[in-house]
């Protein structure tokens, strides 16, 4: 499943399948949208540097990428000023999910091109 829509369709299909066999279905859903906002940049950098097999060049690149991050808020055509932040990663970015996994100690490197998510 590559998208939220596909995941939603699969969940609905699973619910209907279970309802065909049973009278009820238990579903637990977690909203992780704010989790990405609370990750400190120093935790990401420290987590990356502790993973065996990660090149120091990658750690330095991520450090430079996260350094002096600035964010603003846009609402109804109005944009706030930019403020520097030391936490949070871009939602929807390729690195965002991996950074979150690094902080929660669920990423291992098997070789320089592949990352495995441990469960």
Protein backbone atom coordinates (compact mmCIF):
# COMPACT_ATOMS: atom_id res chain seq x y z
CA UNK A 1 0.00 0.00 0.00
CA UNK A 2 1.56 3.26 -1.08
CA UNK A 3 -1.03 5.87 -0.21
CA UNK A 4 -3.48 6.84 2.47
CA UNK A 5 -6.36 6.12 0.10
CA UNK A 6 -5.13 2.57 -0.57
CA UNK A 7 -4.64 1.99 3.16
CA UNK A 8 -8.18 3.25 3.86
CA UNK A 9 -9.65 0.96 1.20
CA UNK A 10 -7.76 -2.02 2.65
CA UNK A 11 -9.01 -1.24 6.18
CA UNK A 12 -12.60 -0.98 4.95
CA UNK A 13 -12.24 -4.24 3.04
CA UNK A 14 -10.85 -5.96 6.16
CA UNK A 15 -13.71 -4.60 8.29
CA UNK A 16 -16.35 -5.84 5.83
CA UNK A 17 -14.63 -9.24 5.65
CA UNK A 18 -14.61 -9.58 9.44
CA UNK A 19 -18.22 -8.38 9.71
CA UNK A 20 -19.24 -11.15 7.29
CA UNK A 21 -17.82 -13.67 9.80
CA UNK A 22 -18.44 -11.95 13.14
CA UNK A 23 -20.97 -9.55 14.65
CA UNK A 24 -18.51 -6.79 15.48
CA UNK A 25 -14.99 -5.53 14.77
CA UNK A 26 -12.59 -3.77 17.12
CA UNK A 27 -10.45 -1.08 15.51
CA UNK A 28 -7.75 0.97 17.18
CA UNK A 29 -6.54 4.01 15.23
CA UNK A 30 -3.66 6.27 16.21
CA UNK A 31 -3.15 9.79 14.89
CA UNK A 32 0.60 10.22 14.45
CA UNK A 33 0.45 13.56 12.62
CA UNK A 34 1.83 15.55 15.56
CA UNK A 35 4.60 13.03 16.25
CA UNK A 36 6.68 14.54 13.46
CA UNK A 37 6.34 18.03 14.98
CA UNK A 38 7.88 17.00 18.29
CA UNK A 39 11.10 15.29 17.17
CA UNK A 40 14.11 17.35 18.21
CA UNK A 41 16.79 17.81 15.59
CA UNK A 42 19.48 16.85 18.10
CA UNK A 43 17.69 13.50 18.70
CA UNK A 44 17.67 12.79 14.98
CA UNK A 45 21.36 13.61 14.62
CA UNK A 46 22.31 11.59 17.69
CA UNK A 47 20.19 8.64 16.53
CA UNK A 48 21.74 8.69 13.07
CA UNK A 49 25.27 8.86 14.41
CA UNK A 50 24.64 5.76 16.55
CA UNK A 51 23.49 3.56 13.66
CA UNK A 52 26.26 1.25 12.54
CA UNK A 53 26.93 1.60 8.83
CA UNK A 54 25.75 5.20 8.40
CA UNK A 55 28.39 7.30 6.69
CA UNK A 56 29.56 10.41 8.58
CA UNK A 57 28.85 12.31 5.35
CA UNK A 58 25.15 11.40 5.67
CA UNK A 59 25.07 12.51 9.30
CA UNK A 60 26.75 15.81 8.33
CA UNK A 61 24.34 16.32 5.44
CA UNK A 62 21.30 15.78 7.69
CA UNK A 63 22.84 18.06 10.33
CA UNK A 64 23.29 20.82 7.73
CA UNK A 65 19.79 20.22 6.35
CA UNK A 66 18.18 20.55 9.79
CA UNK A 67 20.37 23.43 11.01
CA UNK A 68 18.64 26.78 11.09
CA UNK A 69 15.28 25.35 9.97
CA UNK A 70 12.70 28.08 9.63
CA UNK A 71 8.94 27.73 9.57
CA UNK A 72 6.02 30.05 8.98
CA UNK A 73 2.25 29.70 9.09
CA UNK A 74 -0.09 30.58 6.23
CA UNK A 75 -3.77 31.13 6.98
CA UNK A 76 -6.43 32.70 4.77
CA UNK A 77 -3.85 34.39 2.57
CA UNK A 78 -1.85 35.77 5.49
CA UNK A 79 1.68 34.56 6.21
CA UNK A 80 3.41 34.90 9.55
CA UNK A 81 7.05 35.76 9.89
CA UNK A 82 9.61 32.98 9.78
CA UNK A 83 10.84 31.58 13.09
CA UNK A 84 13.84 29.32 13.56
CA UNK A 85 13.06 25.95 15.11
CA UNK A 86 15.07 23.06 16.49
CA UNK A 87 12.40 20.39 16.22
CA UNK A 88 10.04 18.86 13.72
CA UNK A 89 10.52 17.37 10.27
CA UNK A 90 8.67 18.00 7.06
CA UNK A 91 5.55 15.88 6.84
CA UNK A 92 5.36 14.01 3.58
CA UNK A 93 9.10 14.23 3.01
CA UNK A 94 11.09 11.12 2.22
CA UNK A 95 13.38 11.71 5.19
CA UNK A 96 10.64 12.61 7.67
CA UNK A 97 9.45 9.06 8.25
CA UNK A 98 12.99 7.70 8.39
CA UNK A 99 14.04 10.39 10.89
CA UNK A 100 11.08 9.47 13.08
CA UNK A 101 12.08 5.80 12.94
CA UNK A 102 15.68 6.68 13.82
CA UNK A 103 14.54 8.50 16.93
CA UNK A 104 12.30 5.64 17.99
CA UNK A 105 15.15 3.14 17.46
CA UNK A 106 13.39 1.14 14.76
CA UNK A 107 15.82 1.49 11.85
CA UNK A 108 18.79 -0.69 11.08
CA UNK A 109 21.14 -0.53 8.13
CA UNK A 110 21.90 -3.79 6.34
CA UNK A 111 24.01 -2.20 3.64
CA UNK A 112 24.65 1.25 2.24
CA UNK A 113 21.57 1.16 -0.03
CA UNK A 114 18.93 -0.56 2.10
CA UNK A 115 17.13 0.31 5.30
CA UNK A 116 15.10 -2.25 7.25
CA UNK A 117 12.28 -1.36 9.61
CA UNK A 118 12.32 -3.64 12.66
CA UNK A 119 9.01 -4.51 14.30
